[in-house]
Amino acid sequence: MLKAQARKIYNKKRQEISYTDRIKWDDLLLINFQTVEMPFLEAVFSFYPMEERNEPNVFLITDYLHFRNLNLQICYPKMDTKQPNMEAIACHADTIFEANAINILEPLETEAVDPQDIDLILIPMLVCDVNGNRVGYGKGYYDRYLSRCRKDCIKVGVSYFEPVDSIDDADEYDVPLNFCITPQQAYVF
């Protein structure tokens, strides 16, 4: 399957998910995330789920991680849509988020965390293949960011859908996942 085809199919499938199913599947995502043994984490880079895209509620996962480590630094992306580039911004319970030029909620905070200091990244995506090749929204922000992270940074995709057999047009710039968490199970790559 090609990325463009996967985007079309899985965007449509995600839009067809009912609110009731999303609530149930989000709980299952958390349960399956909890089955993966994680090292001690100091900094996690997450994303603010977009309601209009029916994205998974990763706040359940970040809340769980924060509960396990009250000193955990949770970061959210701030994008430079002209470059295109992205930074991980350190956030707190009272951080205010505002929509950017492409309608993605970003923190108003400005303290960027060095990509080398990120231990785990929760990555938005539509679907991946059985080798951990992710299909996102096609702008390349995450692949560019991931290339700046440590090699041992844990890359976790979160998807409502099981992996497909193959993403045929994955290339050398695509950074594969270490895990994909779905409502059915946690996949290790």
N, C-alpha and C. Protein backbone atom coordinates (compact mmCIF):
# COMPACT_ATOMS: atom_id res chain seq x y z
N MET A 1 0.85 -1.18 0.00
CA MET A 1 0.00 0.00 0.00
C MET A 1 0.90 1.24 0.00
N LEU A 2 0.53 2.24 -0.76
CA LEU A 2 1.26 3.50 -0.80
C LEU A 2 0.73 4.44 0.28
N LYS A 3 1.58 5.38 0.72
CA LYS A 3 1.19 6.31 1.78
C LYS A 3 -0.07 7.10 1.42
N ALA A 4 -0.14 7.62 0.19
CA ALA A 4 -1.30 8.43 -0.22
C ALA A 4 -2.58 7.60 -0.14
N GLN A 5 -2.51 6.36 -0.57
CA GLN A 5 -3.67 5.47 -0.51
C GLN A 5 -4.05 5.19 0.95
N ALA A 6 -3.04 4.92 1.79
CA ALA A 6 -3.29 4.66 3.22
C ALA A 6 -3.92 5.89 3.88
N ARG A 7 -3.42 7.09 3.56
CA ARG A 7 -4.00 8.31 4.13
C ARG A 7 -5.47 8.43 3.78
N LYS A 8 -5.79 8.20 2.53
CA LYS A 8 -7.18 8.32 2.08
C LYS A 8 -8.07 7.30 2.80
N ILE A 9 -7.65 6.06 2.83
CA ILE A 9 -8.45 4.98 3.42
C ILE A 9 -8.61 5.20 4.93
N TYR A 10 -7.50 5.47 5.63
CA TYR A 10 -7.56 5.52 7.10
C TYR A 10 -8.07 6.85 7.64
N ASN A 11 -7.94 7.93 6.88
CA ASN A 11 -8.64 9.16 7.26
C ASN A 11 -10.14 8.93 7.23
N LYS A 12 -10.61 8.28 6.18
CA LYS A 12 -12.05 8.00 6.05
C LYS A 12 -12.50 7.07 7.17
N LYS A 13 -11.75 6.00 7.41
CA LYS A 13 -12.12 5.07 8.48
C LYS A 13 -12.16 5.76 9.84
N ARG A 14 -11.19 6.64 10.09
CA ARG A 14 -11.16 7.31 11.38
C ARG A 14 -12.36 8.25 11.53
N GLN A 15 -12.76 8.92 10.47
CA GLN A 15 -13.91 9.82 10.54
C GLN A 15 -15.21 9.06 10.79
N GLU A 16 -15.24 7.78 10.45
CA GLU A 16 -16.44 6.96 10.63
C GLU A 16 -16.55 6.37 12.05
N ILE A 17 -15.54 6.56 12.88
CA ILE A 17 -15.57 6.01 14.23
C ILE A 17 -16.55 6.82 15.08
N SER A 18 -17.46 6.13 15.75
CA SER A 18 -18.43 6.82 16.60
C SER A 18 -17.76 7.32 17.86
N TYR A 19 -18.36 8.30 18.49
CA TYR A 19 -17.85 8.85 19.74
C TYR A 19 -17.77 7.76 20.81
N THR A 20 -18.80 6.92 20.88
CA THR A 20 -18.83 5.83 21.87
C THR A 20 -17.67 4.87 21.65
N ASP A 21 -17.42 4.50 20.40
CA ASP A 21 -16.30 3.60 20.11
C ASP A 21 -14.96 4.26 20.44
N ARG A 22 -14.82 5.54 20.14
CA ARG A 22 -13.57 6.24 20.45
C ARG A 22 -13.28 6.20 21.95
N ILE A 23 -14.30 6.45 22.77
CA ILE A 23 -14.10 6.42 24.22
C ILE A 23 -13.63 5.04 24.67
N LYS A 24 -14.27 4.01 24.15
CA LYS A 24 -13.91 2.64 24.50
C LYS A 24 -12.50 2.30 23.98
N TRP A 25 -12.22 2.68 22.75
CA TRP A 25 -10.91 2.36 22.15
C TRP A 25 -9.79 3.13 22.84
N ASP A 26 -10.05 4.36 23.28
CA ASP A 26 -9.04 5.12 24.01
C ASP A 26 -8.65 4.41 25.30
N ASP A 27 -9.64 3.86 26.00
CA ASP A 27 -9.36 3.08 27.21
C ASP A 27 -8.51 1.85 26.88
N LEU A 28 -8.84 1.19 25.79
CA LEU A 28 -8.08 0.01 25.37
C LEU A 28 -6.65 0.38 24.96
N LEU A 29 -6.48 1.56 24.35
CA LEU A 29 -5.13 2.03 24.02
C LEU A 29 -4.29 2.16 25.28
N LEU A 30 -4.87 2.76 26.31
CA LEU A 30 -4.16 2.91 27.57
C LEU A 30 -3.81 1.55 28.17
N ILE A 31 -4.76 0.64 28.19
CA ILE A 31 -4.51 -0.70 28.74
C ILE A 31 -3.36 -1.37 27.99
N ASN A 32 -3.37 -1.27 26.67
CA ASN A 32 -2.31 -1.91 25.88
C ASN A 32 -0.98 -1.19 26.04
N PHE A 33 -1.01 0.12 26.20
CA PHE A 33 0.23 0.86 26.47
C PHE A 33 0.85 0.37 27.78
N GLN A 34 0.01 0.11 28.78
CA GLN A 34 0.50 -0.33 30.09
C GLN A 34 1.15 -1.71 30.04
N THR A 35 0.94 -2.48 28.98
CA THR A 35 1.56 -3.80 28.86
C THR A 35 3.02 -3.71 28.40
N VAL A 36 3.42 -2.55 27.90
CA VAL A 36 4.78 -2.37 27.40
C VAL A 36 5.67 -1.90 28.55
N GLU A 37 6.74 -2.63 28.79
CA GLU A 37 7.66 -2.24 29.86
C GLU A 37 8.47 -1.04 29.40
N MET A 38 8.42 0.01 30.20
CA MET A 38 9.13 1.24 29.87
C MET A 38 10.23 1.48 30.89
N PRO A 39 11.36 2.03 30.43
CA PRO A 39 12.40 2.43 31.39
C PRO A 39 11.94 3.68 32.13
N PHE A 40 12.75 4.14 33.06
CA PHE A 40 12.46 5.40 33.74
C PHE A 40 12.52 6.52 32.71
N LEU A 41 11.49 7.34 32.68
CA LEU A 41 11.40 8.43 31.70
C LEU A 41 11.49 9.77 32.41
N GLU A 42 12.27 10.68 31.85
CA GLU A 42 12.37 12.03 32.38
C GLU A 42 11.63 13.04 31.52
N ALA A 43 11.61 12.80 30.19
CA ALA A 43 10.95 13.74 29.28
C ALA A 43 10.19 12.98 28.20
N VAL A 44 8.92 13.31 28.06
CA VAL A 44 8.05 12.69 27.06
C VAL A 44 7.51 13.79 26.15
N PHE A 45 7.55 13.52 24.86
CA PHE A 45 7.03 14.44 23.85
C PHE A 45 5.72 13.83 23.34
N SER A 46 4.62 14.52 23.54
CA SER A 46 3.32 14.02 23.13
C SER A 46 2.72 14.96 22.10
N PHE A 47 1.44 14.81 21.84
CA PHE A 47 0.74 15.71 20.92
C PHE A 47 -0.65 15.99 21.47
N TYR A 48 -1.20 17.11 21.08
CA TYR A 48 -2.54 17.51 21.50
C TYR A 48 -3.52 16.92 20.47
N PRO A 49 -4.35 15.93 20.86
CA PRO A 49 -5.22 15.28 19.88
C PRO A 49 -6.23 16.25 19.26
N MET A 50 -6.36 16.13 17.96
CA MET A 50 -7.28 16.99 17.22
C MET A 50 -8.65 16.34 17.12
N GLU A 51 -9.62 16.95 17.76
CA GLU A 51 -10.98 16.42 17.80
C GLU A 51 -11.55 16.25 16.39
N GLU A 52 -11.33 17.24 15.52
CA GLU A 52 -11.90 17.17 14.17
C GLU A 52 -11.29 16.07 13.32
N ARG A 53 -10.14 15.54 13.74
CA ARG A 53 -9.52 14.41 13.04
C ARG A 53 -9.78 13.09 13.75
N ASN A 54 -10.57 13.12 14.82
CA ASN A 54 -10.85 11.91 15.60
C ASN A 54 -9.56 11.23 16.06
N GLU A 55 -8.58 12.00 16.47
CA GLU A 55 -7.32 11.42 16.93
C GLU A 55 -7.50 10.77 18.30
N PRO A 56 -6.71 9.74 18.57
CA PRO A 56 -6.78 9.08 19.88
C PRO A 56 -6.48 10.04 21.03
N ASN A 57 -7.11 9.80 22.15
CA ASN A 57 -6.93 10.63 23.33
C ASN A 57 -5.66 10.19 24.08
N VAL A 58 -4.53 10.75 23.67
CA VAL A 58 -3.26 10.38 24.28
C VAL A 58 -3.08 11.02 25.66
N PHE A 59 -3.99 11.91 26.06
CA PHE A 59 -3.92 12.47 27.42
C PHE A 59 -4.04 11.36 28.45
N LEU A 60 -4.77 10.29 28.13
CA LEU A 60 -4.87 9.16 29.06
C LEU A 60 -3.49 8.54 29.30
N ILE A 61 -2.70 8.45 28.25
CA ILE A 61 -1.35 7.86 28.37
C ILE A 61 -0.42 8.82 29.11
N THR A 62 -0.44 10.10 28.76
CA THR A 62 0.45 11.04 29.45
C THR A 62 0.07 11.19 30.92
N ASP A 63 -1.23 11.14 31.22
CA ASP A 63 -1.65 11.19 32.63
C ASP A 63 -1.13 9.97 33.39
N TYR A 64 -1.21 8.81 32.77
CA TYR A 64 -0.69 7.58 33.38
C TYR A 64 0.82 7.70 33.62
N LEU A 65 1.56 8.17 32.61
CA LEU A 65 3.01 8.32 32.76
C LEU A 65 3.35 9.33 33.86
N HIS A 66 2.60 10.42 33.89
CA HIS A 66 2.85 11.44 34.92
C HIS A 66 2.52 10.90 36.31
N PHE A 67 1.49 10.09 36.43
CA PHE A 67 1.13 9.47 37.71
C PHE A 67 2.28 8.59 38.22
N ARG A 68 2.94 7.89 37.29
CA ARG A 68 4.06 7.01 37.66
C ARG A 68 5.32 7.79 38.01
N ASN A 69 5.44 9.02 37.49
CA ASN A 69 6.62 9.84 37.75
C ASN A 69 6.18 11.30 37.81
N LEU A 70 5.96 11.80 39.01
CA LEU A 70 5.45 13.16 39.17
C LEU A 70 6.42 14.22 38.67
N ASN A 71 7.70 13.88 38.51
CA ASN A 71 8.69 14.83 37.99
C ASN A 71 8.84 14.76 36.48
N LEU A 72 8.04 13.96 35.82
CA LEU A 72 8.12 13.80 34.38
C LEU A 72 7.84 15.12 33.67
N GLN A 73 8.70 15.46 32.72
CA GLN A 73 8.48 16.66 31.90
C GLN A 73 7.72 16.22 30.64
N ILE A 74 6.55 16.79 30.45
CA ILE A 74 5.76 16.48 29.26
C ILE A 74 5.83 17.67 28.32
N CYS A 75 6.11 17.39 27.07
CA CYS A 75 6.30 18.42 26.05
C CYS A 75 5.26 18.24 24.94
N TYR A 76 4.96 19.35 24.29
CA TYR A 76 4.05 19.34 23.14
C TYR A 76 4.69 20.12 22.00
N PRO A 77 4.31 19.81 20.77
CA PRO A 77 4.97 20.44 19.62
C PRO A 77 4.56 21.89 19.39
N LYS A 78 5.54 22.65 18.96
CA LYS A 78 5.32 23.99 18.42
C LYS A 78 5.96 23.96 17.04
N MET A 79 5.18 24.31 16.02
CA MET A 79 5.64 24.17 14.64
C MET A 79 5.99 25.51 14.03
N ASP A 80 7.00 25.46 13.19
CA ASP A 80 7.31 26.58 12.32
C ASP A 80 6.85 26.11 10.94
N THR A 81 5.69 26.58 10.52
CA THR A 81 5.11 26.08 9.27
C THR A 81 5.83 26.59 8.04
N LYS A 82 6.70 27.58 8.18
CA LYS A 82 7.43 28.12 7.02
C LYS A 82 8.65 27.27 6.70
N GLN A 83 9.26 26.61 7.71
CA GLN A 83 10.52 25.90 7.52
C GLN A 83 10.38 24.59 6.75
N PRO A 84 9.58 23.63 6.96
CA PRO A 84 8.81 23.31 8.16
C PRO A 84 9.69 22.65 9.21
N ASN A 85 9.45 23.02 10.45
CA ASN A 85 10.24 22.53 11.57
C ASN A 85 9.35 22.43 12.80
N MET A 86 9.79 21.70 13.80
CA MET A 86 9.00 21.51 15.01
C MET A 86 9.95 21.42 16.20
N GLU A 87 9.50 21.95 17.34
CA GLU A 87 10.25 21.86 18.59
C GLU A 87 9.34 21.27 19.67
N ALA A 88 9.95 20.62 20.66
CA ALA A 88 9.24 20.11 21.83
C ALA A 88 9.27 21.20 22.89
N ILE A 89 8.11 21.65 23.32
CA ILE A 89 8.00 22.72 24.30
C ILE A 89 7.58 22.14 25.65
N ALA A 90 8.36 22.47 26.69
CA ALA A 90 8.05 22.01 28.04
C ALA A 90 6.74 22.64 28.49
N CYS A 91 5.83 21.81 28.98
CA CYS A 91 4.50 22.29 29.40
C CYS A 91 4.24 21.92 30.85
N HIS A 92 3.25 22.61 31.42
CA HIS A 92 2.86 22.42 32.81
C HIS A 92 1.34 22.34 32.87
N ALA A 93 0.80 22.06 34.02
CA ALA A 93 -0.66 21.89 34.17
C ALA A 93 -1.43 23.14 33.75
N ASP A 94 -0.83 24.31 33.88
CA ASP A 94 -1.53 25.55 33.55
C ASP A 94 -1.15 26.13 32.19
N THR A 95 -0.45 25.35 31.36
CA THR A 95 -0.06 25.83 30.03
C THR A 95 -1.30 26.09 29.18
N ILE A 96 -1.27 27.20 28.49
CA ILE A 96 -2.36 27.57 27.58
C ILE A 96 -1.97 27.15 26.17
N PHE A 97 -2.93 26.57 25.45
CA PHE A 97 -2.71 26.14 24.06
C PHE A 97 -3.55 27.02 23.15
N GLU A 98 -3.01 27.27 21.95
CA GLU A 98 -3.69 28.10 20.97
C GLU A 98 -3.47 27.50 19.58
N ALA A 99 -4.47 27.59 18.71
CA ALA A 99 -4.36 27.03 17.37
C ALA A 99 -3.35 27.82 16.54
N ASN A 100 -2.50 27.10 15.81
CA ASN A 100 -1.53 27.76 14.93
C ASN A 100 -2.14 27.98 13.54
N ALA A 101 -1.32 28.34 12.58
CA ALA A 101 -1.79 28.67 11.22
C ALA A 101 -2.45 27.49 10.52
N ILE A 102 -2.12 26.26 10.92
CA ILE A 102 -2.74 25.08 10.30
C ILE A 102 -3.70 24.39 11.26
N ASN A 103 -4.18 25.14 12.25
CA ASN A 103 -5.22 24.73 13.19
C ASN A 103 -4.81 23.60 14.13
N ILE A 104 -3.52 23.51 14.44
CA ILE A 104 -3.04 22.55 15.43
C ILE A 104 -2.79 23.31 16.72
N LEU A 105 -3.31 22.78 17.84
CA LEU A 105 -3.13 23.44 19.12
C LEU A 105 -1.68 23.32 19.58
N GLU A 106 -1.11 24.48 19.93
CA GLU A 106 0.27 24.54 20.39
C GLU A 106 0.34 25.28 21.72
N PRO A 107 1.35 24.95 22.53
CA PRO A 107 1.52 25.68 23.79
C PRO A 107 2.01 27.10 23.53
N LEU A 108 1.56 28.03 24.36
CA LEU A 108 2.07 29.40 24.27
C LEU A 108 3.41 29.53 24.97
N GLU A 109 3.78 28.51 25.76
CA GLU A 109 5.11 28.49 26.41
C GLU A 109 6.18 28.52 25.32
N THR A 110 7.40 28.85 25.70
CA THR A 110 8.47 28.96 24.70
C THR A 110 9.72 28.15 25.05
N GLU A 111 9.74 27.47 26.20
CA GLU A 111 10.93 26.74 26.63
C GLU A 111 11.06 25.43 25.85
N ALA A 112 11.94 25.42 24.85
CA ALA A 112 12.16 24.23 24.04
C ALA A 112 13.07 23.25 24.77
N VAL A 113 12.76 21.98 24.64
CA VAL A 113 13.57 20.91 25.21
C VAL A 113 14.43 20.33 24.09
N ASP A 114 15.70 20.15 24.36
CA ASP A 114 16.63 19.60 23.38
C ASP A 114 16.14 18.22 22.94
N PRO A 115 16.08 17.94 21.63
CA PRO A 115 15.65 16.61 21.17
C PRO A 115 16.47 15.47 21.77
N GLN A 116 17.72 15.75 22.12
CA GLN A 116 18.57 14.72 22.73
C GLN A 116 18.13 14.37 24.15
N ASP A 117 17.29 15.20 24.75
CA ASP A 117 16.81 14.96 26.11
C ASP A 117 15.46 14.25 26.17
N ILE A 118 14.85 13.99 25.03
CA ILE A 118 13.55 13.33 24.96
C ILE A 118 13.75 11.82 25.07
N ASP A 119 13.02 11.20 26.00
CA ASP A 119 13.13 9.75 26.21
C ASP A 119 12.10 8.96 25.41
N LEU A 120 10.93 9.53 25.22
CA LEU A 120 9.83 8.83 24.55
C LEU A 120 8.99 9.86 23.78
N ILE A 121 8.57 9.47 22.59
CA ILE A 121 7.71 10.34 21.79
C ILE A 121 6.44 9.57 21.43
N LEU A 122 5.28 10.15 21.76
CA LEU A 122 3.99 9.63 21.30
C LEU A 122 3.70 10.34 19.98
N ILE A 123 3.54 9.57 18.93
CA ILE A 123 3.49 10.13 17.58
C ILE A 123 2.10 9.96 16.98
N PRO A 124 1.51 11.07 16.49
CA PRO A 124 0.22 10.94 15.81
C PRO A 124 0.41 10.23 14.47
N MET A 125 -0.55 9.44 14.11
CA MET A 125 -0.45 8.69 12.85
C MET A 125 -1.81 8.15 12.47
N LEU A 126 -1.90 7.69 11.26
CA LEU A 126 -3.12 7.04 10.80
C LEU A 126 -2.99 5.53 10.90
N VAL A 127 -1.88 5.02 10.38
CA VAL A 127 -1.65 3.57 10.36
C VAL A 127 -0.15 3.36 10.17
N CYS A 128 0.31 2.14 10.46
CA CYS A 128 1.70 1.78 10.17
C CYS A 128 1.70 0.40 9.52
N ASP A 129 2.88 -0.03 9.10
CA ASP A 129 2.97 -1.39 8.58
C ASP A 129 3.64 -2.29 9.62
N VAL A 130 3.77 -3.56 9.30
CA VAL A 130 4.29 -4.54 10.24
C VAL A 130 5.78 -4.35 10.54
N ASN A 131 6.42 -3.42 9.83
CA ASN A 131 7.82 -3.09 10.09
C ASN A 131 7.99 -1.79 10.87
N GLY A 132 6.87 -1.18 11.26
CA GLY A 132 6.94 0.06 12.02
C GLY A 132 7.02 1.32 11.18
N ASN A 133 6.83 1.20 9.88
CA ASN A 133 6.80 2.39 9.01
C ASN A 133 5.45 3.07 9.16
N ARG A 134 5.48 4.32 9.57
CA ARG A 134 4.28 5.08 9.94
C ARG A 134 3.77 5.91 8.77
N VAL A 135 2.44 6.01 8.70
CA VAL A 135 1.81 6.94 7.77
C VAL A 135 1.14 8.01 8.61
N GLY A 136 1.69 9.22 8.50
CA GLY A 136 1.13 10.37 9.20
C GLY A 136 0.31 11.20 8.23
N TYR A 137 0.39 12.51 8.39
CA TYR A 137 -0.41 13.41 7.56
C TYR A 137 0.35 13.94 6.36
N GLY A 138 1.61 13.56 6.21
CA GLY A 138 2.33 13.83 4.98
C GLY A 138 3.18 15.09 4.94
N LYS A 139 3.37 15.77 6.04
CA LYS A 139 4.17 17.00 6.03
C LYS A 139 5.62 16.76 6.46
N GLY A 140 5.90 15.63 7.11
CA GLY A 140 7.27 15.29 7.49
C GLY A 140 7.81 15.92 8.76
N TYR A 141 6.95 16.62 9.52
CA TYR A 141 7.42 17.26 10.75
C TYR A 141 8.05 16.27 11.71
N TYR A 142 7.37 15.15 11.94
CA TYR A 142 7.86 14.18 12.93
C TYR A 142 9.12 13.48 12.46
N ASP A 143 9.20 13.10 11.20
CA ASP A 143 10.42 12.43 10.72
C ASP A 143 11.63 13.36 10.84
N ARG A 144 11.46 14.64 10.53
CA ARG A 144 12.56 15.59 10.68
C ARG A 144 12.95 15.72 12.15
N TYR A 145 11.95 15.79 13.03
CA TYR A 145 12.25 15.90 14.46
C TYR A 145 12.93 14.63 14.98
N LEU A 146 12.39 13.48 14.62
CA LEU A 146 12.93 12.21 15.10
C LEU A 146 14.39 12.02 14.69
N SER A 147 14.78 12.55 13.53
CA SER A 147 16.16 12.41 13.08
C SER A 147 17.13 13.18 13.98
N ARG A 148 16.62 14.10 14.80
CA ARG A 148 17.44 14.89 15.73
C ARG A 148 17.52 14.27 17.12
N CYS A 149 16.74 13.21 17.37
CA CYS A 149 16.67 12.59 18.69
C CYS A 149 17.75 11.52 18.85
N ARG A 150 17.98 11.14 20.10
CA ARG A 150 18.90 10.05 20.39
C ARG A 150 18.41 8.76 19.71
N LYS A 151 19.35 7.88 19.42
CA LYS A 151 18.99 6.60 18.81
C LYS A 151 18.11 5.76 19.73
N ASP A 152 18.29 5.90 21.07
CA ASP A 152 17.51 5.08 22.00
C ASP A 152 16.19 5.75 22.42
N CYS A 153 15.86 6.87 21.82
CA CYS A 153 14.56 7.51 22.09
C CYS A 153 13.46 6.54 21.63
N ILE A 154 12.48 6.32 22.48
CA ILE A 154 11.42 5.36 22.21
C ILE A 154 10.33 6.04 21.40
N LYS A 155 10.06 5.50 20.22
CA LYS A 155 9.09 6.08 19.30
C LYS A 155 7.82 5.22 19.32
N VAL A 156 6.72 5.80 19.82
CA VAL A 156 5.47 5.07 20.00
C VAL A 156 4.39 5.70 19.13
N GLY A 157 3.90 4.94 18.18
CA GLY A 157 2.75 5.37 17.39
C GLY A 157 1.47 4.94 18.08
N VAL A 158 0.45 5.75 17.98
CA VAL A 158 -0.84 5.46 18.60
C VAL A 158 -1.88 5.48 17.49
N SER A 159 -2.55 4.35 17.29
CA SER A 159 -3.50 4.24 16.18
C SER A 159 -4.70 3.38 16.57
N TYR A 160 -5.83 3.72 16.00
CA TYR A 160 -7.03 2.90 16.20
C TYR A 160 -7.01 1.65 15.31
N PHE A 161 -6.05 1.58 14.38
CA PHE A 161 -6.06 0.53 13.37
C PHE A 161 -4.84 -0.37 13.45
N GLU A 162 -5.06 -1.64 13.12
CA GLU A 162 -3.98 -2.62 13.09
C GLU A 162 -3.02 -2.30 11.95
N PRO A 163 -1.74 -2.69 12.08
CA PRO A 163 -0.78 -2.45 11.00
C PRO A 163 -1.18 -3.16 9.71
N VAL A 164 -0.84 -2.52 8.59
CA VAL A 164 -1.02 -3.13 7.28
C VAL A 164 0.25 -3.92 6.96
N ASP A 165 0.19 -4.74 5.91
CA ASP A 165 1.34 -5.58 5.58
C ASP A 165 2.58 -4.77 5.21
N SER A 166 2.38 -3.74 4.37
CA SER A 166 3.55 -3.00 3.91
C SER A 166 3.17 -1.60 3.45
N ILE A 167 4.03 -0.63 3.80
CA ILE A 167 3.96 0.70 3.21
C ILE A 167 5.06 0.70 2.16
N ASP A 168 4.67 0.58 0.92
CA ASP A 168 5.62 0.33 -0.16
C ASP A 168 6.52 1.51 -0.50
N ASP A 169 6.09 2.72 -0.19
CA ASP A 169 6.92 3.88 -0.54
C ASP A 169 7.61 4.51 0.66
N ALA A 170 7.83 3.71 1.73
CA ALA A 170 8.65 4.19 2.85
C ALA A 170 10.06 4.41 2.30
N ASP A 171 10.71 5.49 2.77
CA ASP A 171 12.05 5.78 2.26
C ASP A 171 13.04 6.01 3.39
N GLU A 172 14.27 6.37 3.03
CA GLU A 172 15.34 6.50 4.03
C GLU A 172 15.11 7.64 5.02
N TYR A 173 14.21 8.58 4.71
CA TYR A 173 13.92 9.68 5.62
C TYR A 173 12.83 9.32 6.64
N ASP A 174 12.13 8.23 6.41
CA ASP A 174 11.09 7.79 7.34
C ASP A 174 11.75 7.10 8.53
N VAL A 175 11.43 7.56 9.72
CA VAL A 175 11.99 6.97 10.93
C VAL A 175 10.97 5.98 11.48
N PRO A 176 11.31 4.69 11.52
CA PRO A 176 10.35 3.69 11.98
C PRO A 176 10.07 3.77 13.47
N LEU A 177 8.91 3.27 13.84
CA LEU A 177 8.48 3.21 15.24
C LEU A 177 9.16 2.07 15.97
N ASN A 178 9.23 2.19 17.30
CA ASN A 178 9.62 1.06 18.14
C ASN A 178 8.39 0.26 18.56
N PHE A 179 7.27 0.99 18.75
CA PHE A 179 6.00 0.38 19.16
C PHE A 179 4.85 1.04 18.43
N CYS A 180 3.79 0.29 18.24
CA CYS A 180 2.51 0.85 17.82
C CYS A 180 1.46 0.31 18.80
N ILE A 181 0.75 1.24 19.40
CA ILE A 181 -0.29 0.86 20.35
C ILE A 181 -1.63 0.98 19.65
N THR A 182 -2.40 -0.10 19.64
CA THR A 182 -3.74 -0.10 19.07
C THR A 182 -4.72 -0.58 20.15
N PRO A 183 -6.01 -0.46 19.91
CA PRO A 183 -6.97 -1.00 20.88
C PRO A 183 -6.88 -2.52 21.02
N GLN A 184 -6.35 -3.19 20.00
CA GLN A 184 -6.28 -4.65 20.02
C GLN A 184 -5.03 -5.17 20.73
N GLN A 185 -3.88 -4.47 20.54
CA GLN A 185 -2.65 -4.93 21.16
C GLN A 185 -1.54 -3.89 20.99
N ALA A 186 -0.42 -4.16 21.65
CA ALA A 186 0.79 -3.35 21.49
C ALA A 186 1.74 -4.12 20.58
N TYR A 187 2.17 -3.48 19.51
CA TYR A 187 3.10 -4.11 18.56
C TYR A 187 4.51 -3.61 18.85
N VAL A 188 5.47 -4.52 18.80
CA VAL A 188 6.88 -4.21 19.01
C VAL A 188 7.58 -4.43 17.69
N PHE A 189 8.39 -3.45 17.27
CA PHE A 189 9.11 -3.56 16.00
C PHE A 189 10.61 -3.65 16.24
